[in-house]
Each structure stands twice: as structure tokens, then as C-alpha cells.
Amino acid sequence: MQDLLDVAKRAARTASDLLRDAHAEDIRSKSNAFDLVTEWDLRSEDAIRGVLRETGFPILGEEGGQDSATGEMRWLVDPIDGTVNFSHGLPIWSISIALEKIGGDVQVAVVTAPALGWHFEAVRGHGAFDDKGAPLHVSTRTPLSRAMLATGFPYDASRTRAGASAARRSIFAWSPAAGTTVTGSAAYPRGISQRGP
């Protein structure tokens, strides 16, 4: 799997180089006004696909859907996880690439936050590591009242506005955690939560 991790890392670096100093100008909505896509989402996904294609595995990207390749494994790509943040110049966004057994578990994963210079990677059964090779682990901070909770909410506000509002009120008002944050990127809080302490 190391060779496939190396391909995923190269794809993430290619997209990082493309996006590092990019600024969104063409911002459109997809399913609703809160679900955005920029020209950079499309360019990033194209760049990632260009690298991942050499493996011969199918690719399922957030913007381009699944290609016509077939196989027992497939790449999953979110070219900019946190497009709303990206489009507003907030550096909390990432590039997410994973290889999964179709209908099974993720085998390889890479999350890169170019604007912050952060990188996380994992291979099933071999642990997860940051860009310096340090192993990642969940926080050992106890009790929960000394920990931070990171969460997110769905984009489909038309169907979930009331539910999401109730969830927000409940989480922020009743959480026993010391603090709660909504980052706007699904992969980002998972990576930073693994950094400890």
C-alpha cells in the first residue's frame, strides 16, 4: 500500500501547488445557495485525477462524479473540502484523497491543508502520521470538560434548517466540552483532533 500512499501524496502535492496562492473568483452554487463550487475546485480535481489515473483504479470525485473505470478499489476525492472557507479567504480548508475497497474500508488516506502547511496520512493497519512523520493519536485530555469538540452541519439547509438550528443550540448549550467549534471542513477537524494533546 505504500506505493499507493505515495501516489495519493503526489496527487495532493500537485493540487496543493495549484491552490496555495489561489483566490476564488468564479463562485457558483451546486445543490443550494450554501453548497458552493469554484473554478479552483474543478481545476484541483482535474489535477488530482491526472495523477491518480496512472493507478488504473476508478475515481469518484466530488465535482466530476465517478469515471468509467472499474475495479475492486476506487479513489475518493474532495478537491477542496471547505469550499465556503476557501471562497472567503479563510485558510481552514483541505484536499482529501482516499483509496477504498468498494463496499469496504479505506486503505490509504491523505489530507492536506495547503494554506496552513499541514499534511496527514494513513495506511490501514499502519497508523496515521503528520507531515514530520510523527504518529497521530486522539487526545488523552480528560475530563471532557477540558476538551474541544469540532463538528459540522449539512449543506441542505432547505430540508435541515430547523434540525440544524436545533442541533447547534443543543451542542453549543449542552455540550460538556470546554469549547465547540464548527470549522467548515469535514476532514480538517479530524486531522487536528489527532494532533493531541
N, C-alpha and C. Protein backbone atom coordinates (compact mmCIF):
# COMPACT_ATOMS: atom_id res chain seq x y z
N MET A 1 0.82 -1.21 0.00
CA MET A 1 0.00 0.00 0.00
C MET A 1 0.86 1.27 0.00
N GLN A 2 2.12 1.15 0.38
CA GLN A 2 2.97 2.33 0.43
C GLN A 2 3.06 3.02 -0.94
N ASP A 3 3.12 2.22 -2.00
CA ASP A 3 3.20 2.82 -3.33
C ASP A 3 1.93 3.61 -3.66
N LEU A 4 0.78 3.14 -3.20
CA LEU A 4 -0.47 3.85 -3.43
C LEU A 4 -0.56 5.10 -2.56
N LEU A 5 -0.02 5.02 -1.34
CA LEU A 5 0.06 6.21 -0.50
C LEU A 5 0.93 7.26 -1.18
N ASP A 6 2.04 6.83 -1.76
CA ASP A 6 2.93 7.77 -2.46
C ASP A 6 2.22 8.45 -3.62
N VAL A 7 1.39 7.71 -4.35
CA VAL A 7 0.63 8.30 -5.45
C VAL A 7 -0.36 9.34 -4.90
N ALA A 8 -1.06 8.99 -3.81
CA ALA A 8 -2.01 9.93 -3.20
C ALA A 8 -1.30 11.18 -2.71
N LYS A 9 -0.12 11.03 -2.12
CA LYS A 9 0.65 12.18 -1.65
C LYS A 9 1.08 13.06 -2.83
N ARG A 10 1.48 12.44 -3.92
CA ARG A 10 1.89 13.21 -5.10
C ARG A 10 0.69 13.97 -5.67
N ALA A 11 -0.48 13.33 -5.69
CA ALA A 11 -1.70 14.00 -6.17
C ALA A 11 -2.05 15.18 -5.27
N ALA A 12 -1.93 14.99 -3.97
CA ALA A 12 -2.21 16.07 -3.02
C ALA A 12 -1.22 17.22 -3.18
N ARG A 13 0.06 16.89 -3.39
CA ARG A 13 1.07 17.94 -3.62
C ARG A 13 0.78 18.72 -4.90
N THR A 14 0.38 18.01 -5.95
CA THR A 14 0.05 18.66 -7.22
C THR A 14 -1.08 19.67 -7.02
N ALA A 15 -2.13 19.24 -6.32
CA ALA A 15 -3.26 20.14 -6.06
C ALA A 15 -2.85 21.26 -5.10
N SER A 16 -2.02 20.95 -4.12
CA SER A 16 -1.55 21.98 -3.17
C SER A 16 -0.80 23.07 -3.89
N ASP A 17 0.09 22.68 -4.79
CA ASP A 17 0.86 23.66 -5.55
C ASP A 17 -0.06 24.55 -6.38
N LEU A 18 -1.11 23.97 -6.92
CA LEU A 18 -2.08 24.71 -7.72
C LEU A 18 -2.87 25.70 -6.87
N LEU A 19 -3.25 25.28 -5.66
CA LEU A 19 -4.18 26.05 -4.83
C LEU A 19 -3.53 26.99 -3.82
N ARG A 20 -2.27 26.79 -3.54
CA ARG A 20 -1.63 27.50 -2.42
C ARG A 20 -1.88 29.01 -2.45
N ASP A 21 -1.77 29.65 -3.59
CA ASP A 21 -1.97 31.10 -3.68
C ASP A 21 -3.21 31.48 -4.49
N ALA A 22 -4.11 30.53 -4.68
CA ALA A 22 -5.31 30.76 -5.50
C ALA A 22 -6.34 31.59 -4.73
N HIS A 23 -7.12 32.35 -5.48
CA HIS A 23 -8.22 33.13 -4.92
C HIS A 23 -9.44 32.88 -5.78
N ALA A 24 -10.53 32.51 -5.14
CA ALA A 24 -11.75 32.19 -5.88
C ALA A 24 -12.36 33.45 -6.48
N GLU A 25 -12.68 33.38 -7.75
CA GLU A 25 -13.35 34.49 -8.42
C GLU A 25 -14.69 34.04 -9.00
N ASP A 26 -14.73 32.84 -9.57
CA ASP A 26 -15.96 32.30 -10.15
C ASP A 26 -16.58 31.34 -9.14
N ILE A 27 -17.50 31.86 -8.33
CA ILE A 27 -18.13 31.07 -7.26
C ILE A 27 -19.58 30.81 -7.66
N ARG A 28 -19.95 29.51 -7.72
CA ARG A 28 -21.31 29.13 -8.08
C ARG A 28 -21.87 28.22 -7.00
N SER A 29 -23.19 28.08 -6.99
CA SER A 29 -23.80 27.13 -6.06
C SER A 29 -24.13 25.86 -6.82
N LYS A 30 -24.14 24.74 -6.07
CA LYS A 30 -24.48 23.44 -6.68
C LYS A 30 -25.91 23.09 -6.32
N SER A 31 -26.10 22.37 -5.23
CA SER A 31 -27.44 21.89 -4.86
C SER A 31 -28.30 22.98 -4.22
N ASN A 32 -27.66 23.97 -3.57
CA ASN A 32 -28.39 25.08 -2.97
C ASN A 32 -27.40 26.23 -2.75
N ALA A 33 -27.87 27.34 -2.25
CA ALA A 33 -27.05 28.55 -2.13
C ALA A 33 -25.87 28.38 -1.17
N PHE A 34 -25.90 27.36 -0.32
CA PHE A 34 -24.83 27.17 0.65
C PHE A 34 -23.80 26.15 0.20
N ASP A 35 -24.11 25.40 -0.85
CA ASP A 35 -23.23 24.35 -1.37
C ASP A 35 -22.50 24.91 -2.58
N LEU A 36 -21.28 25.41 -2.35
CA LEU A 36 -20.56 26.16 -3.37
C LEU A 36 -19.55 25.32 -4.13
N VAL A 37 -19.24 25.80 -5.33
CA VAL A 37 -18.15 25.25 -6.13
C VAL A 37 -17.46 26.43 -6.80
N THR A 38 -16.14 26.38 -6.86
CA THR A 38 -15.37 27.44 -7.53
C THR A 38 -14.62 26.83 -8.71
N GLU A 39 -14.05 27.70 -9.53
CA GLU A 39 -13.23 27.21 -10.64
C GLU A 39 -12.05 26.41 -10.11
N TRP A 40 -11.61 26.71 -8.87
CA TRP A 40 -10.46 26.02 -8.30
C TRP A 40 -10.80 24.61 -7.83
N ASP A 41 -12.06 24.38 -7.41
CA ASP A 41 -12.49 23.01 -7.10
C ASP A 41 -12.32 22.14 -8.34
N LEU A 42 -12.76 22.67 -9.47
CA LEU A 42 -12.70 21.92 -10.73
C LEU A 42 -11.27 21.71 -11.18
N ARG A 43 -10.44 22.74 -11.10
CA ARG A 43 -9.04 22.62 -11.51
C ARG A 43 -8.28 21.65 -10.60
N SER A 44 -8.56 21.76 -9.30
CA SER A 44 -7.90 20.88 -8.34
C SER A 44 -8.26 19.42 -8.59
N GLU A 45 -9.55 19.16 -8.81
CA GLU A 45 -9.96 17.78 -9.06
C GLU A 45 -9.35 17.25 -10.36
N ASP A 46 -9.30 18.08 -11.38
CA ASP A 46 -8.66 17.65 -12.64
C ASP A 46 -7.19 17.30 -12.42
N ALA A 47 -6.48 18.11 -11.64
CA ALA A 47 -5.06 17.86 -11.37
C ALA A 47 -4.88 16.56 -10.59
N ILE A 48 -5.74 16.34 -9.60
CA ILE A 48 -5.67 15.12 -8.79
C ILE A 48 -5.97 13.90 -9.65
N ARG A 49 -7.03 13.99 -10.45
CA ARG A 49 -7.38 12.87 -11.33
C ARG A 49 -6.22 12.53 -12.27
N GLY A 50 -5.54 13.56 -12.76
CA GLY A 50 -4.42 13.33 -13.67
C GLY A 50 -3.34 12.46 -13.06
N VAL A 51 -3.10 12.61 -11.77
CA VAL A 51 -2.09 11.80 -11.08
C VAL A 51 -2.65 10.42 -10.74
N LEU A 52 -3.87 10.37 -10.21
CA LEU A 52 -4.44 9.10 -9.74
C LEU A 52 -4.75 8.13 -10.88
N ARG A 53 -5.01 8.64 -12.07
CA ARG A 53 -5.35 7.78 -13.21
C ARG A 53 -4.29 6.73 -13.49
N GLU A 54 -3.03 7.03 -13.20
CA GLU A 54 -1.95 6.09 -13.51
C GLU A 54 -2.10 4.78 -12.75
N THR A 55 -2.91 4.75 -11.67
CA THR A 55 -3.09 3.51 -10.92
C THR A 55 -4.10 2.59 -11.58
N GLY A 56 -4.94 3.15 -12.46
CA GLY A 56 -5.96 2.34 -13.13
C GLY A 56 -7.23 2.14 -12.31
N PHE A 57 -7.25 2.62 -11.07
CA PHE A 57 -8.45 2.47 -10.24
C PHE A 57 -9.48 3.54 -10.60
N PRO A 58 -10.77 3.23 -10.46
CA PRO A 58 -11.81 4.24 -10.68
C PRO A 58 -11.61 5.42 -9.72
N ILE A 59 -12.11 6.57 -10.13
CA ILE A 59 -12.02 7.77 -9.31
C ILE A 59 -13.42 8.35 -9.14
N LEU A 60 -13.83 8.56 -7.89
CA LEU A 60 -15.09 9.22 -7.57
C LEU A 60 -14.73 10.57 -6.96
N GLY A 61 -14.99 11.64 -7.70
CA GLY A 61 -14.68 12.99 -7.23
C GLY A 61 -15.93 13.75 -6.90
N GLU A 62 -15.82 14.67 -5.95
CA GLU A 62 -17.00 15.44 -5.55
C GLU A 62 -17.56 16.25 -6.71
N GLU A 63 -16.71 16.76 -7.55
CA GLU A 63 -17.19 17.63 -8.63
C GLU A 63 -17.48 16.86 -9.92
N GLY A 64 -16.65 15.88 -10.26
CA GLY A 64 -16.79 15.19 -11.53
C GLY A 64 -17.48 13.84 -11.48
N GLY A 65 -17.89 13.42 -10.29
CA GLY A 65 -18.53 12.11 -10.16
C GLY A 65 -17.56 10.97 -10.41
N GLN A 66 -18.11 9.81 -10.71
CA GLN A 66 -17.27 8.62 -10.94
C GLN A 66 -16.95 8.47 -12.42
N ASP A 67 -15.69 8.14 -12.69
CA ASP A 67 -15.30 7.91 -14.08
C ASP A 67 -15.74 6.50 -14.49
N SER A 68 -15.42 6.11 -15.71
CA SER A 68 -15.92 4.84 -16.24
C SER A 68 -15.03 3.64 -15.92
N ALA A 69 -13.90 3.86 -15.26
CA ALA A 69 -13.02 2.74 -14.91
C ALA A 69 -13.72 1.81 -13.92
N THR A 70 -13.28 0.57 -13.87
CA THR A 70 -13.84 -0.40 -12.93
C THR A 70 -12.71 -1.04 -12.14
N GLY A 71 -13.05 -1.60 -11.00
CA GLY A 71 -12.05 -2.27 -10.19
C GLY A 71 -12.58 -2.58 -8.81
N GLU A 72 -11.77 -3.26 -8.00
CA GLU A 72 -12.16 -3.62 -6.65
C GLU A 72 -11.92 -2.49 -5.66
N MET A 73 -11.12 -1.52 -6.06
CA MET A 73 -10.88 -0.36 -5.21
C MET A 73 -11.15 0.89 -6.04
N ARG A 74 -11.39 2.02 -5.34
CA ARG A 74 -11.57 3.28 -6.04
C ARG A 74 -11.06 4.42 -5.17
N TRP A 75 -10.64 5.47 -5.88
CA TRP A 75 -10.19 6.69 -5.22
C TRP A 75 -11.41 7.56 -4.91
N LEU A 76 -11.39 8.20 -3.75
CA LEU A 76 -12.40 9.17 -3.36
C LEU A 76 -11.69 10.52 -3.23
N VAL A 77 -12.22 11.55 -3.87
CA VAL A 77 -11.53 12.84 -3.92
C VAL A 77 -12.47 13.99 -3.56
N ASP A 78 -12.05 14.79 -2.60
CA ASP A 78 -12.69 16.09 -2.35
C ASP A 78 -11.59 17.11 -2.62
N PRO A 79 -11.67 17.79 -3.78
CA PRO A 79 -10.57 18.64 -4.20
C PRO A 79 -10.37 19.89 -3.35
N ILE A 80 -11.44 20.39 -2.76
CA ILE A 80 -11.37 21.46 -1.75
C ILE A 80 -12.46 21.17 -0.73
N ASP A 81 -12.07 20.59 0.38
CA ASP A 81 -13.00 20.32 1.47
C ASP A 81 -13.04 21.58 2.32
N GLY A 82 -14.14 22.30 2.21
CA GLY A 82 -14.25 23.60 2.87
C GLY A 82 -14.28 24.72 1.84
N THR A 83 -15.02 24.51 0.76
CA THR A 83 -15.08 25.49 -0.32
C THR A 83 -15.60 26.84 0.16
N VAL A 84 -16.55 26.84 1.08
CA VAL A 84 -17.07 28.12 1.59
C VAL A 84 -15.93 28.90 2.24
N ASN A 85 -15.14 28.24 3.07
CA ASN A 85 -14.00 28.91 3.70
C ASN A 85 -13.02 29.39 2.62
N PHE A 86 -12.67 28.50 1.70
CA PHE A 86 -11.74 28.83 0.62
C PHE A 86 -12.22 30.06 -0.16
N SER A 87 -13.50 30.08 -0.51
CA SER A 87 -14.03 31.16 -1.34
C SER A 87 -14.06 32.49 -0.61
N HIS A 88 -13.99 32.45 0.72
CA HIS A 88 -13.96 33.68 1.51
C HIS A 88 -12.57 34.01 2.04
N GLY A 89 -11.55 33.27 1.60
CA GLY A 89 -10.18 33.56 2.00
C GLY A 89 -9.80 33.05 3.38
N LEU A 90 -10.64 32.23 4.00
CA LEU A 90 -10.33 31.64 5.30
C LEU A 90 -9.48 30.39 5.07
N PRO A 91 -8.32 30.25 5.70
CA PRO A 91 -7.40 29.17 5.36
C PRO A 91 -7.77 27.79 5.89
N ILE A 92 -8.95 27.64 6.46
CA ILE A 92 -9.36 26.34 7.00
C ILE A 92 -10.10 25.56 5.93
N TRP A 93 -9.33 24.93 5.06
CA TRP A 93 -9.84 24.06 4.00
C TRP A 93 -8.74 23.04 3.71
N SER A 94 -9.12 21.96 3.06
CA SER A 94 -8.14 20.91 2.82
C SER A 94 -8.43 20.18 1.52
N ILE A 95 -7.48 19.36 1.14
CA ILE A 95 -7.61 18.45 0.00
C ILE A 95 -7.67 17.05 0.59
N SER A 96 -8.68 16.29 0.24
CA SER A 96 -8.86 14.96 0.81
C SER A 96 -8.85 13.90 -0.29
N ILE A 97 -8.00 12.90 -0.12
CA ILE A 97 -7.89 11.81 -1.09
C ILE A 97 -7.83 10.50 -0.30
N ALA A 98 -8.64 9.54 -0.71
CA ALA A 98 -8.64 8.24 -0.05
C ALA A 98 -8.81 7.13 -1.09
N LEU A 99 -8.30 5.97 -0.77
CA LEU A 99 -8.49 4.78 -1.60
C LEU A 99 -9.27 3.78 -0.78
N GLU A 100 -10.44 3.39 -1.28
CA GLU A 100 -11.26 2.43 -0.54
C GLU A 100 -11.47 1.16 -1.33
N LYS A 101 -11.64 0.06 -0.60
CA LYS A 101 -12.15 -1.15 -1.22
C LYS A 101 -13.63 -0.89 -1.44
N ILE A 102 -14.11 -1.08 -2.64
CA ILE A 102 -15.51 -0.78 -2.93
C ILE A 102 -16.40 -1.62 -2.01
N GLY A 103 -17.26 -0.92 -1.29
CA GLY A 103 -18.13 -1.56 -0.32
C GLY A 103 -17.40 -1.95 0.96
N GLY A 104 -16.18 -1.47 1.13
CA GLY A 104 -15.39 -1.85 2.29
C GLY A 104 -14.73 -0.67 2.96
N ASP A 105 -13.53 -0.90 3.43
CA ASP A 105 -12.83 0.08 4.24
C ASP A 105 -11.83 0.90 3.44
N VAL A 106 -11.52 2.07 3.95
CA VAL A 106 -10.48 2.92 3.37
C VAL A 106 -9.13 2.26 3.65
N GLN A 107 -8.30 2.19 2.63
CA GLN A 107 -6.99 1.56 2.73
C GLN A 107 -5.86 2.58 2.89
N VAL A 108 -6.01 3.73 2.22
CA VAL A 108 -5.00 4.78 2.21
C VAL A 108 -5.74 6.11 2.26
N ALA A 109 -5.21 7.07 3.01
CA ALA A 109 -5.84 8.39 3.06
C ALA A 109 -4.79 9.47 3.23
N VAL A 110 -5.06 10.61 2.59
CA VAL A 110 -4.21 11.79 2.69
C VAL A 110 -5.12 13.00 2.85
N VAL A 111 -4.81 13.85 3.82
CA VAL A 111 -5.49 15.13 3.99
C VAL A 111 -4.41 16.19 4.08
N THR A 112 -4.50 17.18 3.22
CA THR A 112 -3.51 18.26 3.18
C THR A 112 -4.22 19.59 3.29
N ALA A 113 -3.72 20.45 4.17
CA ALA A 113 -4.25 21.81 4.32
C ALA A 113 -3.17 22.77 3.84
N PRO A 114 -3.12 23.06 2.53
CA PRO A 114 -2.02 23.84 1.95
C PRO A 114 -1.83 25.22 2.56
N ALA A 115 -2.91 25.93 2.85
CA ALA A 115 -2.79 27.28 3.38
C ALA A 115 -2.17 27.30 4.77
N LEU A 116 -2.24 26.17 5.46
CA LEU A 116 -1.67 26.07 6.81
C LEU A 116 -0.37 25.27 6.84
N GLY A 117 -0.05 24.63 5.70
CA GLY A 117 1.17 23.83 5.65
C GLY A 117 1.06 22.53 6.42
N TRP A 118 -0.17 22.00 6.58
CA TRP A 118 -0.39 20.76 7.33
C TRP A 118 -0.63 19.61 6.37
N HIS A 119 -0.22 18.41 6.79
CA HIS A 119 -0.41 17.20 6.00
C HIS A 119 -0.60 16.03 6.95
N PHE A 120 -1.58 15.19 6.66
CA PHE A 120 -1.84 13.99 7.44
C PHE A 120 -1.99 12.82 6.48
N GLU A 121 -1.53 11.65 6.87
CA GLU A 121 -1.64 10.48 6.00
C GLU A 121 -1.82 9.23 6.85
N ALA A 122 -2.41 8.21 6.23
CA ALA A 122 -2.64 6.96 6.93
C ALA A 122 -2.70 5.80 5.94
N VAL A 123 -2.26 4.65 6.42
CA VAL A 123 -2.42 3.38 5.70
C VAL A 123 -3.05 2.42 6.69
N ARG A 124 -4.13 1.76 6.27
CA ARG A 124 -4.84 0.84 7.15
C ARG A 124 -3.86 -0.16 7.78
N GLY A 125 -3.94 -0.26 9.10
CA GLY A 125 -3.11 -1.20 9.84
C GLY A 125 -1.72 -0.69 10.17
N HIS A 126 -1.37 0.52 9.71
CA HIS A 126 -0.03 1.05 9.95
C HIS A 126 -0.04 2.41 10.65
N GLY A 127 -1.21 2.89 11.03
CA GLY A 127 -1.29 4.15 11.76
C GLY A 127 -1.41 5.36 10.86
N ALA A 128 -1.52 6.51 11.52
CA ALA A 128 -1.64 7.80 10.84
C ALA A 128 -0.50 8.69 11.32
N PHE A 129 -0.03 9.56 10.42
CA PHE A 129 1.14 10.38 10.72
C PHE A 129 0.96 11.79 10.18
N ASP A 130 1.68 12.74 10.78
CA ASP A 130 1.67 14.10 10.25
C ASP A 130 2.81 14.26 9.25
N ASP A 131 3.00 15.48 8.77
CA ASP A 131 3.99 15.74 7.74
C ASP A 131 5.43 15.55 8.20
N LYS A 132 5.66 15.48 9.49
CA LYS A 132 7.01 15.26 10.02
C LYS A 132 7.24 13.79 10.37
N GLY A 133 6.23 12.95 10.11
CA GLY A 133 6.34 11.53 10.42
C GLY A 133 5.96 11.18 11.84
N ALA A 134 5.47 12.16 12.60
CA ALA A 134 5.05 11.90 13.97
C ALA A 134 3.70 11.18 13.96
N PRO A 135 3.58 10.13 14.77
CA PRO A 135 2.30 9.41 14.81
C PRO A 135 1.19 10.29 15.38
N LEU A 136 0.00 10.11 14.81
CA LEU A 136 -1.18 10.83 15.29
C LEU A 136 -1.95 9.94 16.25
N HIS A 137 -2.58 10.56 17.19
CA HIS A 137 -3.39 9.83 18.17
C HIS A 137 -4.48 10.76 18.67
N VAL A 138 -5.54 10.18 19.16
CA VAL A 138 -6.60 11.02 19.71
C VAL A 138 -6.14 11.62 21.02
N SER A 139 -6.75 12.72 21.36
CA SER A 139 -6.39 13.41 22.58
C SER A 139 -6.65 12.53 23.80
N THR A 140 -5.78 12.66 24.76
CA THR A 140 -5.96 11.93 26.03
C THR A 140 -6.50 12.87 27.10
N ARG A 141 -6.88 14.07 26.69
CA ARG A 141 -7.34 15.06 27.65
C ARG A 141 -8.63 14.60 28.32
N THR A 142 -8.62 14.56 29.62
CA THR A 142 -9.81 14.23 30.40
C THR A 142 -9.89 15.22 31.56
N PRO A 143 -11.05 15.47 32.06
CA PRO A 143 -12.35 15.01 31.58
C PRO A 143 -12.76 15.78 30.33
N LEU A 144 -13.90 15.41 29.78
CA LEU A 144 -14.41 16.03 28.57
C LEU A 144 -14.55 17.55 28.74
N SER A 145 -14.77 18.00 29.94
CA SER A 145 -14.94 19.44 30.18
C SER A 145 -13.65 20.22 29.90
N ARG A 146 -12.53 19.53 29.68
CA ARG A 146 -11.27 20.18 29.33
C ARG A 146 -10.92 20.01 27.85
N ALA A 147 -11.83 19.39 27.09
CA ALA A 147 -11.57 19.09 25.68
C ALA A 147 -12.36 20.02 24.76
N MET A 148 -11.98 20.04 23.49
CA MET A 148 -12.70 20.82 22.48
C MET A 148 -13.43 19.87 21.54
N LEU A 149 -14.64 20.21 21.18
CA LEU A 149 -15.46 19.44 20.26
C LEU A 149 -15.49 20.16 18.92
N ALA A 150 -15.17 19.45 17.83
CA ALA A 150 -15.26 20.02 16.47
C ALA A 150 -16.38 19.28 15.74
N THR A 151 -17.24 20.03 15.07
CA THR A 151 -18.39 19.43 14.40
C THR A 151 -18.70 20.17 13.11
N GLY A 152 -19.71 19.72 12.41
CA GLY A 152 -20.14 20.35 11.18
C GLY A 152 -21.61 20.07 10.95
N PHE A 153 -22.17 20.75 9.96
CA PHE A 153 -23.58 20.61 9.67
C PHE A 153 -23.77 20.46 8.16
N PRO A 154 -24.85 19.80 7.73
CA PRO A 154 -25.07 19.56 6.29
C PRO A 154 -25.39 20.85 5.55
N TYR A 155 -25.17 20.79 4.21
CA TYR A 155 -25.44 21.94 3.36
C TYR A 155 -26.89 22.08 2.97
N ASP A 156 -27.67 21.02 3.07
CA ASP A 156 -29.03 21.08 2.58
C ASP A 156 -29.92 21.84 3.57
N ALA A 157 -29.73 23.15 3.62
CA ALA A 157 -30.44 23.98 4.58
C ALA A 157 -31.95 23.97 4.35
N SER A 158 -32.40 23.76 3.11
CA SER A 158 -33.83 23.79 2.83
C SER A 158 -34.56 22.66 3.55
N ARG A 159 -33.87 21.52 3.71
CA ARG A 159 -34.51 20.39 4.38
C ARG A 159 -34.10 20.30 5.84
N THR A 160 -33.00 20.90 6.22
CA THR A 160 -32.49 20.66 7.56
C THR A 160 -32.30 21.92 8.40
N ARG A 161 -32.76 23.07 7.91
CA ARG A 161 -32.53 24.31 8.65
C ARG A 161 -33.03 24.21 10.09
N ALA A 162 -34.26 23.75 10.29
CA ALA A 162 -34.79 23.65 11.65
C ALA A 162 -34.01 22.63 12.46
N GLY A 163 -33.73 21.48 11.86
CA GLY A 163 -32.98 20.45 12.57
C GLY A 163 -31.57 20.89 12.89
N ALA A 164 -30.91 21.54 11.92
CA ALA A 164 -29.55 22.01 12.15
C ALA A 164 -29.52 23.09 13.22
N SER A 165 -30.51 23.99 13.20
CA SER A 165 -30.58 25.04 14.23
C SER A 165 -30.76 24.43 15.60
N ALA A 166 -31.62 23.43 15.69
CA ALA A 166 -31.83 22.77 16.98
C ALA A 166 -30.56 22.05 17.42
N ALA A 167 -29.88 21.39 16.47
CA ALA A 167 -28.64 20.69 16.80
C ALA A 167 -27.58 21.68 17.28
N ARG A 168 -27.46 22.80 16.59
CA ARG A 168 -26.48 23.82 17.00
C ARG A 168 -26.77 24.30 18.43
N ARG A 169 -28.03 24.64 18.68
CA ARG A 169 -28.39 25.12 20.02
C ARG A 169 -28.07 24.06 21.06
N SER A 170 -28.41 22.83 20.76
CA SER A 170 -28.18 21.74 21.70
C SER A 170 -26.69 21.52 21.95
N ILE A 171 -25.92 21.44 20.87
CA ILE A 171 -24.48 21.18 21.02
C ILE A 171 -23.79 22.31 21.76
N PHE A 172 -24.07 23.55 21.36
CA PHE A 172 -23.37 24.66 21.98
C PHE A 172 -23.85 24.91 23.40
N ALA A 173 -25.13 24.65 23.67
CA ALA A 173 -25.66 24.92 25.01
C ALA A 173 -25.40 23.79 26.00
N TRP A 174 -25.43 22.54 25.53
CA TRP A 174 -25.39 21.43 26.45
C TRP A 174 -24.12 20.60 26.41
N SER A 175 -23.23 20.89 25.52
CA SER A 175 -22.01 20.10 25.44
C SER A 175 -21.18 20.24 26.71
N PRO A 176 -20.73 19.11 27.24
CA PRO A 176 -19.87 19.18 28.43
C PRO A 176 -18.43 19.57 28.07
N ALA A 177 -18.14 19.71 26.77
CA ALA A 177 -16.78 20.06 26.35
C ALA A 177 -16.47 21.51 26.73
N ALA A 178 -15.17 21.81 26.84
CA ALA A 178 -14.73 23.17 27.18
C ALA A 178 -15.08 24.15 26.08
N GLY A 179 -15.12 23.68 24.85
CA GLY A 179 -15.45 24.54 23.72
C GLY A 179 -15.94 23.71 22.56
N THR A 180 -16.68 24.36 21.67
CA THR A 180 -17.19 23.69 20.48
C THR A 180 -16.92 24.60 19.30
N THR A 181 -16.45 24.02 18.21
CA THR A 181 -16.16 24.80 17.02
C THR A 181 -16.72 24.11 15.78
N VAL A 182 -17.12 24.90 14.82
CA VAL A 182 -17.55 24.41 13.51
C VAL A 182 -16.54 24.97 12.52
N THR A 183 -15.77 24.10 11.88
CA THR A 183 -14.66 24.56 11.05
C THR A 183 -15.02 24.81 9.60
N GLY A 184 -16.08 24.18 9.09
CA GLY A 184 -16.44 24.35 7.68
C GLY A 184 -15.72 23.39 6.75
N SER A 185 -14.98 22.44 7.32
CA SER A 185 -14.28 21.42 6.54
C SER A 185 -14.42 20.11 7.28
N ALA A 186 -14.89 19.08 6.62
CA ALA A 186 -15.12 17.80 7.29
C ALA A 186 -13.83 17.11 7.70
N ALA A 187 -12.81 17.13 6.84
CA ALA A 187 -11.56 16.42 7.12
C ALA A 187 -10.67 17.17 8.08
N TYR A 188 -10.68 18.47 8.03
CA TYR A 188 -9.78 19.30 8.84
C TYR A 188 -9.87 19.01 10.34
N PRO A 189 -11.08 19.02 10.95
CA PRO A 189 -11.11 18.76 12.39
C PRO A 189 -10.68 17.34 12.75
N ARG A 190 -10.88 16.38 11.86
CA ARG A 190 -10.43 15.03 12.14
C ARG A 190 -8.91 14.98 12.21
N GLY A 191 -8.26 15.72 11.33
CA GLY A 191 -6.81 15.77 11.35
C GLY A 191 -6.27 16.46 12.58
N ILE A 192 -6.83 17.63 12.90
CA ILE A 192 -6.29 18.36 14.05
C ILE A 192 -6.64 17.67 15.35
N SER A 193 -7.75 16.94 15.39
CA SER A 193 -8.08 16.23 16.64
C SER A 193 -7.08 15.14 16.94
N GLN A 194 -6.41 14.63 15.90
CA GLN A 194 -5.43 13.58 16.09
C GLN A 194 -4.07 14.11 16.52
N ARG A 195 -3.91 15.42 16.56
CA ARG A 195 -2.64 16.01 16.93
C ARG A 195 -2.46 16.07 18.44
N GLY A 196 -3.46 15.64 19.20
CA GLY A 196 -3.34 15.65 20.66
C GLY A 196 -3.79 16.98 21.21
N PRO A 197 -3.47 17.35 22.41
CA PRO A 197 -2.62 16.66 23.38
C PRO A 197 -3.37 15.57 24.08
